Structure formats: structure tokens, C-alpha cells
Amino acid sequence: MVEVLSRYWWAFVARGVLAILFSILAYAWPRLTSATLGVLFGAYITIDGILLIVKATADWNGSEGRWLLMLEGFLGIGIGIMTLVSPSVTTIALVLCITAWGLGRGVLEIVTAIRLREEIEGESWMMVSGIASILFSVLLMLFAGAGALGLLWLIAAYTIISGVVLIVLGFRLRGHRSPRWNCRNSDAR
């Protein structure tokens, strides 16, 4: 599993950068309507899901743990498309969609982290990302009626944290690449 994840380390970094860009947009335009927030968040999690599926489908025969990445990717794409198709859903419905995505993502990231720890000693960044996703979802459930601005700031704070963790994880995975996939290796040229 670590071989495939490390080969596509750039997808983790891309997902992290995308999350941080979403956060910047959310903080820059604090008066977003729930429909606009829905479109932005739907686009973010749809692209995030696509990047996960790209990672999971590369060299499908090489790993037994890819179904977790596929499941997380399909979850993101499904909720993202649902949010994009009806961006004018009420704030509570949008919060429920985002909460479901966060809980699903968190659980799947924790399961993936446990499997990854069998191959890399001391690797915990994906576990941190999973825990952050679950905490984010719990906070959304607790403060669902806090108003659009409060929810926007909570979502933006989560995506910044998630983005930073994904970028760090991506660069950590880059260090675990197999020599045959390392571009600096003279045999690979």
C-alpha cells in the first residue's frame, strides 16, 4: 500500500493545496450564501474524490487496501455532485451532507492509517487527518444552528488544517518512494 501511496504523493499535496485554496476563498468572502458555499464545497470534495480514485486505480493489482481509497473517493464525488446539483439546499441540509462526508472520510482515513502503519513505522499524519475530520463533523452537528457565517468559518478552519496535514503527509510519502520510481535514480532514466 505504501508503494502506491508514495508513488502518488503529489495527489496528497494537490488535495492539501486545494483545501487551503477553498479556505482562503471562504475567509475572503465571508458573506457567501449557502448556495455559493455549497457550490465551492461541492467542487472541492468532487475534485478531492477524483484525486483519491486516481491514486486507488493506479496499478490496481499491487495492493489489497485500495478499496478504502476508492470508497473515500466515491463518497466525496457522490456528496460533491449532490451538493453541486442542488446548491440552493438549505443550510441544514448542506451541513448534513458535509457532516456525512466528514464522518465517512474520517473513519476511512483512520482505517487506512492503521493499515499504513503496518508498512511505515510511526506514520501518523493520516490518522491525524481522520481524527480532524471526525472532530469537524461532531462540531458541525453540535453547532448546526450557529448560522451561515459561523459554519463557514468552521468549514474553512477544518479545510486549512486538513490541507496542511495532507501536504505534510504527501511529502512524507514522497520520502518513502521505491527506488525504481524515484526520478533521481539513474536506472529509471
Protein backbone atom coordinates (compact mmCIF):
# COMPACT_ATOMS: atom_id res chain seq x y z
CA MET A 1 0.00 0.00 0.00
CA VAL A 2 2.79 2.42 0.88
CA GLU A 3 4.36 1.91 -2.56
CA VAL A 4 1.25 3.12 -4.36
CA LEU A 5 0.59 5.96 -1.93
CA SER A 6 4.20 7.12 -2.15
CA ARG A 7 4.13 6.95 -5.94
CA TYR A 8 1.16 9.35 -5.94
CA TRP A 9 2.42 11.59 -3.14
CA TRP A 10 1.68 14.57 -5.37
CA ALA A 11 -2.08 13.82 -5.17
CA PHE A 12 -1.95 14.30 -1.38
CA VAL A 13 -0.16 17.61 -1.89
CA ALA A 14 -2.68 18.65 -4.58
CA ARG A 15 -5.59 17.78 -2.27
CA GLY A 16 -3.95 19.82 0.52
CA VAL A 17 -3.40 22.83 -1.72
CA LEU A 18 -6.98 22.58 -2.96
CA ALA A 19 -8.27 22.50 0.64
CA ILE A 20 -6.22 25.56 1.58
CA LEU A 21 -7.42 27.43 -1.53
CA PHE A 22 -11.02 26.65 -0.57
CA SER A 23 -10.33 28.02 2.93
CA ILE A 24 -8.81 31.20 1.57
CA LEU A 25 -11.87 31.75 -0.63
CA ALA A 26 -14.19 31.08 2.31
CA TYR A 27 -12.34 33.56 4.55
CA ALA A 28 -12.02 36.16 1.76
CA TRP A 29 -15.77 36.15 1.08
CA PRO A 30 -17.40 35.75 4.49
CA ARG A 31 -20.83 36.80 3.23
CA LEU A 32 -21.24 33.80 0.99
CA THR A 33 -24.73 32.44 0.70
CA SER A 34 -25.30 28.80 1.48
CA ALA A 35 -25.78 28.15 -2.26
CA THR A 36 -22.36 29.64 -3.09
CA LEU A 37 -20.80 27.78 -0.18
CA GLY A 38 -22.43 24.60 -1.47
CA VAL A 39 -21.00 25.10 -4.96
CA LEU A 40 -17.50 25.81 -3.64
CA PHE A 41 -17.53 22.92 -1.20
CA GLY A 42 -19.12 20.58 -3.77
CA ALA A 43 -16.38 21.42 -6.27
CA TYR A 44 -13.69 20.91 -3.63
CA ILE A 45 -14.87 17.48 -2.47
CA THR A 46 -15.62 16.30 -6.03
CA ILE A 47 -12.05 17.09 -7.15
CA ASP A 48 -10.72 15.60 -3.91
CA GLY A 49 -12.67 12.39 -4.64
CA ILE A 50 -11.35 12.23 -8.19
CA LEU A 51 -7.77 12.55 -6.96
CA LEU A 52 -8.39 9.72 -4.47
CA ILE A 53 -9.74 7.44 -7.20
CA VAL A 54 -6.74 8.25 -9.42
CA LYS A 55 -4.47 7.12 -6.58
CA ALA A 56 -6.52 4.00 -5.91
CA THR A 57 -6.77 2.81 -9.52
CA ALA A 58 -3.07 3.11 -10.32
CA ASP A 59 -1.58 -0.39 -10.50
CA TRP A 60 -4.76 -1.95 -9.15
CA ASN A 61 -3.23 -5.43 -8.75
CA GLY A 62 -0.48 -4.25 -6.43
CA SER A 63 -2.38 -3.60 -3.19
CA GLU A 64 -5.26 -5.01 -1.22
CA GLY A 65 -6.03 -1.72 0.57
CA ARG A 66 -7.13 0.31 -2.43
CA TRP A 67 -10.82 -0.26 -1.78
CA LEU A 68 -10.55 2.18 1.14
CA LEU A 69 -9.27 4.93 -1.15
CA MET A 70 -11.91 4.07 -3.75
CA LEU A 71 -14.67 4.19 -1.14
CA GLU A 72 -13.45 7.56 0.19
CA GLY A 73 -13.18 8.88 -3.38
CA PHE A 74 -16.68 7.74 -4.36
CA LEU A 75 -18.07 9.18 -1.12
CA GLY A 76 -16.51 12.57 -1.93
CA ILE A 77 -17.67 12.53 -5.55
CA GLY A 78 -21.19 11.44 -4.60
CA ILE A 79 -21.69 14.11 -1.93
CA GLY A 80 -19.89 16.68 -4.10
CA ILE A 81 -22.14 16.06 -7.10
CA MET A 82 -25.21 16.06 -4.87
CA THR A 83 -24.14 19.43 -3.49
CA LEU A 84 -23.34 20.81 -6.96
CA VAL A 85 -26.65 19.63 -8.47
CA SER A 86 -28.72 21.41 -5.84
CA PRO A 87 -26.60 24.25 -4.44
CA SER A 88 -29.64 26.05 -3.09
CA VAL A 89 -30.30 23.41 -0.45
CA THR A 90 -30.97 24.84 2.97
CA THR A 91 -28.05 25.41 5.27
CA ILE A 92 -29.08 22.49 7.49
CA ALA A 93 -29.22 20.08 4.54
CA LEU A 94 -25.82 21.32 3.40
CA VAL A 95 -24.46 20.82 6.92
CA LEU A 96 -25.82 17.26 6.96
CA CYS A 97 -24.14 16.49 3.63
CA ILE A 98 -20.84 17.95 4.80
CA THR A 99 -21.14 16.13 8.14
CA ALA A 100 -21.75 12.79 6.41
CA TRP A 101 -18.75 13.37 4.17
CA GLY A 102 -16.53 14.34 7.12
CA LEU A 103 -17.53 11.32 9.21
CA GLY A 104 -17.09 8.91 6.30
CA ARG A 105 -13.77 10.43 5.31
CA GLY A 106 -12.52 10.41 8.90
CA VAL A 107 -13.35 6.76 9.50
CA LEU A 108 -11.84 5.68 6.18
CA GLU A 109 -8.67 7.72 6.77
CA ILE A 110 -8.24 6.16 10.22
CA VAL A 111 -8.67 2.65 8.79
CA THR A 112 -6.17 3.50 6.01
CA ALA A 113 -3.74 4.93 8.59
CA ILE A 114 -3.90 1.73 10.63
CA ARG A 115 -3.12 -0.31 7.52
CA LEU A 116 -0.35 2.12 6.51
CA ARG A 117 1.27 1.90 9.95
CA GLU A 118 1.87 -1.80 9.25
CA GLU A 119 4.21 -0.72 6.45
CA ILE A 120 5.66 2.55 7.79
CA GLU A 121 6.70 2.79 11.42
CA GLY A 122 5.49 5.87 13.26
CA GLU A 123 3.40 7.26 10.38
CA SER A 124 0.50 9.15 11.93
CA TRP A 125 -0.40 12.05 9.64
CA MET A 126 -3.29 10.24 8.00
CA MET A 127 -4.59 9.29 11.46
CA VAL A 128 -4.46 12.97 12.45
CA SER A 129 -6.38 13.87 9.30
CA GLY A 130 -9.03 11.24 10.08
CA ILE A 131 -9.43 12.42 13.67
CA ALA A 132 -9.67 16.05 12.48
CA SER A 133 -12.40 15.03 10.01
CA ILE A 134 -14.42 13.31 12.72
CA LEU A 135 -13.98 16.21 15.16
CA PHE A 136 -15.04 18.62 12.43
CA SER A 137 -18.19 16.58 11.81
CA VAL A 138 -19.02 16.45 15.53
CA LEU A 139 -18.62 20.22 15.77
CA LEU A 140 -20.86 20.68 12.75
CA MET A 141 -23.53 18.50 14.38
CA LEU A 142 -23.27 20.36 17.69
CA PHE A 143 -23.40 23.83 16.15
CA ALA A 144 -25.59 23.24 13.09
CA GLY A 145 -27.81 26.19 14.01
CA ALA A 146 -24.95 28.61 14.57
CA GLY A 147 -25.61 30.50 11.38
CA ALA A 148 -24.02 30.54 7.98
CA LEU A 149 -21.03 32.72 8.92
CA GLY A 150 -20.10 30.54 11.90
CA LEU A 151 -20.43 27.40 9.81
CA LEU A 152 -18.38 28.94 7.03
CA TRP A 153 -15.55 29.73 9.45
CA LEU A 154 -15.71 26.24 10.93
CA ILE A 155 -15.56 24.66 7.48
CA ALA A 156 -12.71 26.96 6.43
CA ALA A 157 -10.74 26.20 9.62
CA TYR A 158 -11.17 22.46 9.05
CA THR A 159 -10.06 22.64 5.42
CA ILE A 160 -6.94 24.62 6.37
CA ILE A 161 -6.00 22.01 8.98
CA SER A 162 -6.83 19.18 6.60
CA GLY A 163 -4.86 20.85 3.80
CA VAL A 164 -1.73 21.29 5.90
CA VAL A 165 -1.92 17.70 7.14
CA LEU A 166 -2.37 16.37 3.58
CA ILE A 167 0.60 18.41 2.31
CA VAL A 168 2.83 17.15 5.14
CA LEU A 169 1.62 13.58 4.55
CA GLY A 170 2.29 13.91 0.80
CA PHE A 171 5.87 15.00 1.34
CA ARG A 172 6.39 12.27 3.96
CA LEU A 173 5.13 9.69 1.47
CA ARG A 174 7.42 11.14 -1.18
CA GLY A 175 10.34 10.14 1.04
CA HIS A 176 9.14 6.51 1.01
CA ARG A 177 9.17 6.07 -2.75
CA SER A 178 10.62 2.88 -4.12
CA PRO A 179 13.98 3.44 -5.87
CA ARG A 180 12.52 2.16 -9.14
CA TRP A 181 10.00 5.08 -9.13
CA ASN A 182 12.48 7.70 -7.98
CA CYS A 183 13.25 10.06 -10.88
CA ARG A 184 16.73 10.71 -9.46
CA ASN A 185 17.61 7.04 -9.82
CA SER A 186 19.86 6.59 -12.84
CA ASP A 187 18.26 3.21 -13.67
CA ALA A 188 14.84 4.88 -14.12
CA ARG A 189 16.11 7.20 -16.86
